[in-house]
C-alpha cells in the first residue's frame, strides 16, 4: 500500500502481532533453511521445502491442533508490560505440529523447488540431485515417478493443468517440458538455443500466453508452443 506522501507503508512484526485483529502462529517445521513456501487455498494447507533430507518437503495445516487456542490468547493485545513480555516470548517460540497435522516427505539432498496441482492431484519436487519427482500428495513414502534428464540442480517447476504439462528449468538454464501422464520429455531447450545468459534469479510461467519469463540480469520471454 502506498501512503499519501508517496512512501510504501511498512510495519514491524511486533506491531502486527500486537494488533488484536492479527492471528500469529509459528511452526517449527524444517531442519534447514526454507527454500520455498506457498499457501494453497484449495486444500487450506501450507507447503514448504528445504535442503534437509529428513524434512525435505512438508504439507501442513495452517492452524493445527497444537494448543492453538492457548497460543492465540497469549498473542492478544495486553495492557501490562509483564504480559507484553510474555506475549513476545510466546510468538518467538515456534510450535511443533502434531503428526496428524502434517505430511513429511524425505528426499535425498532435500528439495529446492516444488509445485502442486489439486486438479491433477500431483505434487512435483526438484532439488540438488537433478531428479524431478512426482508424488501423490497424500502418500509420502515413495514417488509415483522420477524424471531424469537435467544435468544440474532444478531451479523451477510448474504444473500446467490445462496443457497436462510440467515445465522445469535447471541451474544451467536448460528448459524441459514433460507430459504429466506418461512422464515423457516432450521438449528440451538448451542455452545455445534460447541464448539466455547470466545467473537465474526468478522464473514465471503464464498459462494464458504460454510464455516462460526468465530473469537473470535481464528479463527474457520464451513463447512455448504446443
Protein backbone atom coordinates (compact mmCIF):
# COMPACT_ATOMS: atom_id res chain seq x y z
CA UNK A 1 0.00 0.00 0.00
CA UNK A 2 1.28 3.48 -0.91
CA UNK A 3 0.79 6.20 1.71
CA UNK A 4 -0.47 9.71 0.74
CA UNK A 5 3.07 11.07 0.94
CA UNK A 6 4.26 8.55 -1.63
CA UNK A 7 6.05 6.11 0.65
CA UNK A 8 5.40 2.38 0.92
CA UNK A 9 3.61 1.58 4.16
CA UNK A 10 5.54 -0.83 6.40
CA UNK A 11 5.15 -2.27 9.87
CA UNK A 12 7.22 -4.32 12.27
CA UNK A 13 6.41 -7.87 13.31
CA UNK A 14 5.92 -6.69 16.88
CA UNK A 15 3.37 -4.10 15.78
CA UNK A 16 1.49 -6.65 13.67
CA UNK A 17 1.32 -9.21 16.47
CA UNK A 18 0.22 -6.60 18.99
CA UNK A 19 -2.75 -5.79 16.76
CA UNK A 20 -5.80 -7.52 18.18
CA UNK A 21 -7.01 -8.39 14.67
CA UNK A 22 -3.93 -10.45 13.78
CA UNK A 23 -3.55 -14.16 14.49
CA UNK A 24 0.12 -15.10 14.52
CA UNK A 25 1.38 -18.69 14.75
CA UNK A 26 4.89 -20.01 14.15
CA UNK A 27 5.51 -23.65 13.28
CA UNK A 28 8.86 -25.41 13.68
CA UNK A 29 8.88 -27.48 10.51
CA UNK A 30 12.31 -27.87 8.87
CA UNK A 31 15.84 -28.75 9.96
CA UNK A 32 17.46 -26.46 7.36
CA UNK A 33 16.86 -23.18 5.54
CA UNK A 34 13.40 -22.96 3.96
CA UNK A 35 13.76 -22.66 0.18
CA UNK A 36 10.14 -22.16 -0.86
CA UNK A 37 6.79 -21.80 0.88
CA UNK A 38 3.27 -21.41 -0.50
CA UNK A 39 -0.27 -21.47 0.84
CA UNK A 40 -2.83 -23.39 -1.25
CA UNK A 41 -6.38 -22.29 -0.50
CA UNK A 42 -7.80 -25.35 -2.32
CA UNK A 43 -6.58 -27.59 0.49
CA UNK A 44 -6.20 -24.89 3.18
CA UNK A 45 -2.63 -26.00 3.83
CA UNK A 46 0.90 -24.67 3.57
CA UNK A 47 3.59 -26.47 1.57
CA UNK A 48 7.24 -25.70 2.26
CA UNK A 49 10.59 -27.25 1.39
CA UNK A 50 14.22 -27.27 2.50
CA UNK A 51 17.53 -28.97 1.71
CA UNK A 52 17.12 -31.24 4.73
CA UNK A 53 16.94 -34.94 3.86
CA UNK A 54 14.63 -35.58 6.83
CA UNK A 55 12.19 -32.67 6.34
CA UNK A 56 12.61 -32.12 2.60
CA UNK A 57 9.00 -31.10 1.98
CA UNK A 58 6.16 -30.68 4.43
CA UNK A 59 2.44 -30.25 3.80
CA UNK A 60 0.84 -28.91 6.95
CA UNK A 61 -2.28 -27.29 8.32
CA UNK A 62 -2.26 -23.55 8.92
CA UNK A 63 -3.78 -23.61 12.40
CA UNK A 64 -3.25 -27.18 13.52
CA UNK A 65 -4.36 -28.63 16.82
CA UNK A 66 -1.27 -27.97 18.95
CA UNK A 67 -2.58 -25.71 21.73
CA UNK A 68 -3.69 -23.14 19.17
CA UNK A 69 -6.31 -21.53 21.37
CA UNK A 70 -3.82 -21.03 24.17
CA UNK A 71 -1.27 -19.57 21.77
CA UNK A 72 -3.76 -17.13 20.32
CA UNK A 73 -4.69 -15.96 23.81
CA UNK A 74 -1.03 -15.27 24.52
CA UNK A 75 -0.58 -13.02 21.49
CA UNK A 76 -3.57 -10.73 22.04
CA UNK A 77 -3.03 -7.10 22.94
CA UNK A 78 -2.15 -7.00 26.64
CA UNK A 79 -2.20 -3.91 28.82
CA UNK A 80 0.60 -4.63 31.29
CA UNK A 81 4.28 -4.68 30.35
CA UNK A 82 4.75 -8.01 32.11
CA UNK A 83 2.11 -9.64 29.95
CA UNK A 84 3.54 -8.00 26.85
CA UNK A 85 6.90 -9.61 27.58
CA UNK A 86 5.13 -12.95 27.95
CA UNK A 87 3.41 -12.33 24.61
CA UNK A 88 6.70 -11.52 22.88
CA UNK A 89 8.25 -14.66 24.30
CA UNK A 90 5.28 -16.68 23.05
CA UNK A 91 5.45 -15.67 19.41
CA UNK A 92 9.23 -16.07 19.39
CA UNK A 93 8.82 -19.73 20.34
CA UNK A 94 7.77 -21.79 17.30
CA UNK A 95 5.49 -24.74 17.92
CA UNK A 96 5.66 -28.28 16.57
CA UNK A 97 2.61 -29.59 14.75
CA UNK A 98 1.09 -32.89 15.72
CA UNK A 99 1.89 -35.75 13.33
CA UNK A 100 -1.74 -35.79 12.24
CA UNK A 101 -1.47 -32.15 11.14
CA UNK A 102 1.32 -32.56 8.59
CA UNK A 103 2.77 -34.89 5.96
CA UNK A 104 6.56 -35.07 5.71
CA UNK A 105 8.39 -36.10 2.53
CA UNK A 106 12.01 -37.26 2.73
CA UNK A 107 14.27 -36.80 -0.31
CA UNK A 108 18.00 -37.39 -0.65
CA UNK A 109 19.74 -33.98 -0.65
CA UNK A 110 16.42 -32.28 0.07
CA UNK A 111 14.02 -30.25 -2.08
CA UNK A 112 14.78 -26.84 -3.59
CA UNK A 113 11.54 -26.23 -5.51
CA UNK A 114 8.07 -27.72 -5.85
CA UNK A 115 4.66 -27.24 -7.39
CA UNK A 116 1.26 -28.68 -6.56
CA UNK A 117 -1.89 -29.26 -8.57
CA UNK A 118 -5.14 -30.04 -6.81
CA UNK A 119 -6.84 -30.71 -10.16
CA UNK A 120 -4.27 -33.36 -11.11
CA UNK A 121 -3.66 -34.48 -7.52
CA UNK A 122 0.07 -34.20 -8.18
CA UNK A 123 2.98 -32.85 -6.19
CA UNK A 124 6.24 -32.35 -8.10
CA UNK A 125 9.62 -31.70 -6.47
CA UNK A 126 13.16 -30.96 -7.62
CA UNK A 127 16.48 -30.43 -5.94
CA UNK A 128 20.23 -30.82 -5.88
CA UNK A 129 20.22 -34.41 -7.17
CA UNK A 130 18.81 -33.18 -10.53
CA UNK A 131 15.85 -35.60 -10.37
CA UNK A 132 12.25 -34.42 -10.72
CA UNK A 133 9.92 -36.48 -8.55
CA UNK A 134 6.16 -36.81 -8.89
CA UNK A 135 4.17 -37.67 -5.77
CA UNK A 136 0.70 -38.44 -4.63
CA UNK A 137 0.41 -35.61 -2.07
CA UNK A 138 -1.21 -37.98 0.42
CA UNK A 139 1.48 -40.70 0.14
CA UNK A 140 4.92 -39.59 1.29
CA UNK A 141 6.68 -42.94 1.30
CA UNK A 142 7.60 -43.20 -2.38
CA UNK A 143 7.28 -41.02 -5.51
CA UNK A 144 4.96 -42.17 -8.26
CA UNK A 145 7.54 -41.29 -10.92
CA UNK A 146 11.09 -39.96 -11.28
CA UNK A 147 12.01 -37.81 -14.28
CA UNK A 148 15.69 -37.77 -15.22
CA UNK A 149 17.43 -35.67 -17.83
CA UNK A 150 18.65 -32.46 -16.20
CA UNK A 151 22.41 -32.12 -15.74
CA UNK A 152 22.32 -29.58 -12.89
CA UNK A 153 20.11 -28.84 -9.84
CA UNK A 154 16.48 -27.95 -10.50
CA UNK A 155 15.68 -24.23 -10.17
CA UNK A 156 11.99 -24.01 -11.18
CA UNK A 157 8.95 -26.26 -11.62
CA UNK A 158 5.44 -25.54 -12.84
CA UNK A 159 2.44 -27.79 -13.49
CA UNK A 160 0.28 -26.54 -16.37
CA UNK A 161 -3.07 -28.21 -15.65
CA UNK A 162 -4.80 -27.28 -18.90
CA UNK A 163 -1.92 -28.48 -21.08
CA UNK A 164 -1.15 -31.56 -18.99
CA UNK A 165 2.48 -30.47 -18.89
CA UNK A 166 5.27 -29.95 -16.36
CA UNK A 167 7.80 -27.21 -17.06
CA UNK A 168 11.24 -27.48 -15.47
CA UNK A 169 14.31 -25.27 -15.52
CA UNK A 170 17.70 -26.24 -14.10
CA UNK A 171 20.56 -24.07 -12.86
CA UNK A 172 22.41 -24.46 -16.17
CA UNK A 173 19.39 -22.75 -17.83
CA UNK A 174 18.21 -25.92 -19.57
CA UNK A 175 14.42 -25.94 -20.04
CA UNK A 176 12.39 -29.14 -20.33
CA UNK A 177 8.70 -29.83 -20.91
CA UNK A 178 7.27 -33.12 -19.63
CA UNK A 179 3.99 -34.96 -20.17
CA UNK A 180 2.18 -35.45 -16.87
CA UNK A 181 0.55 -38.82 -17.60
CA UNK A 182 3.26 -40.88 -19.33
CA UNK A 183 6.21 -38.92 -17.84
CA UNK A 184 7.98 -38.45 -21.17
CA UNK A 185 10.12 -35.45 -22.07
CA UNK A 186 8.38 -33.60 -24.90
CA UNK A 187 10.83 -30.75 -25.41
CA UNK A 188 14.32 -29.69 -24.38
CA UNK A 189 15.56 -26.13 -24.92
CA UNK A 190 19.25 -25.68 -24.20
CA UNK A 191 21.09 -22.38 -23.57
CA UNK A 192 22.59 -22.45 -27.07
CA UNK A 193 19.06 -22.27 -28.46
CA UNK A 194 17.39 -19.68 -26.22
CA UNK A 195 20.62 -17.68 -25.60
CA UNK A 196 19.66 -16.63 -22.06
CA UNK A 197 22.80 -15.62 -20.17
CA UNK A 198 23.59 -14.90 -16.53
CA UNK A 199 22.63 -16.40 -13.19
CA UNK A 200 18.98 -17.31 -12.73
CA UNK A 201 17.08 -15.07 -10.30
CA UNK A 202 13.38 -15.75 -10.89
CA UNK A 203 11.11 -17.63 -13.31
CA UNK A 204 7.38 -17.43 -14.03
CA UNK A 205 5.23 -19.36 -16.49
CA UNK A 206 1.99 -17.84 -17.81
CA UNK A 207 -0.61 -20.42 -18.83
CA UNK A 208 -2.60 -17.68 -20.55
CA UNK A 209 0.09 -16.77 -23.07
CA UNK A 210 2.15 -20.00 -22.87
CA UNK A 211 5.13 -17.81 -22.04
CA UNK A 212 8.06 -18.53 -19.76
CA UNK A 213 9.60 -15.39 -18.24
CA UNK A 214 13.20 -15.86 -17.08
CA UNK A 215 15.01 -13.20 -15.06
CA UNK A 216 18.81 -13.02 -14.86
CA UNK A 217 20.40 -9.56 -15.16
CA UNK A 218 17.69 -9.01 -17.76
CA UNK A 219 14.24 -10.49 -18.39
CA UNK A 220 13.71 -12.89 -21.28
CA UNK A 221 10.38 -14.21 -22.58
CA UNK A 222 10.05 -17.58 -24.29
CA UNK A 223 6.81 -18.40 -26.06
CA UNK A 224 6.46 -22.18 -25.91
CA UNK A 225 4.03 -23.54 -28.47
CA UNK A 226 2.24 -26.85 -28.01
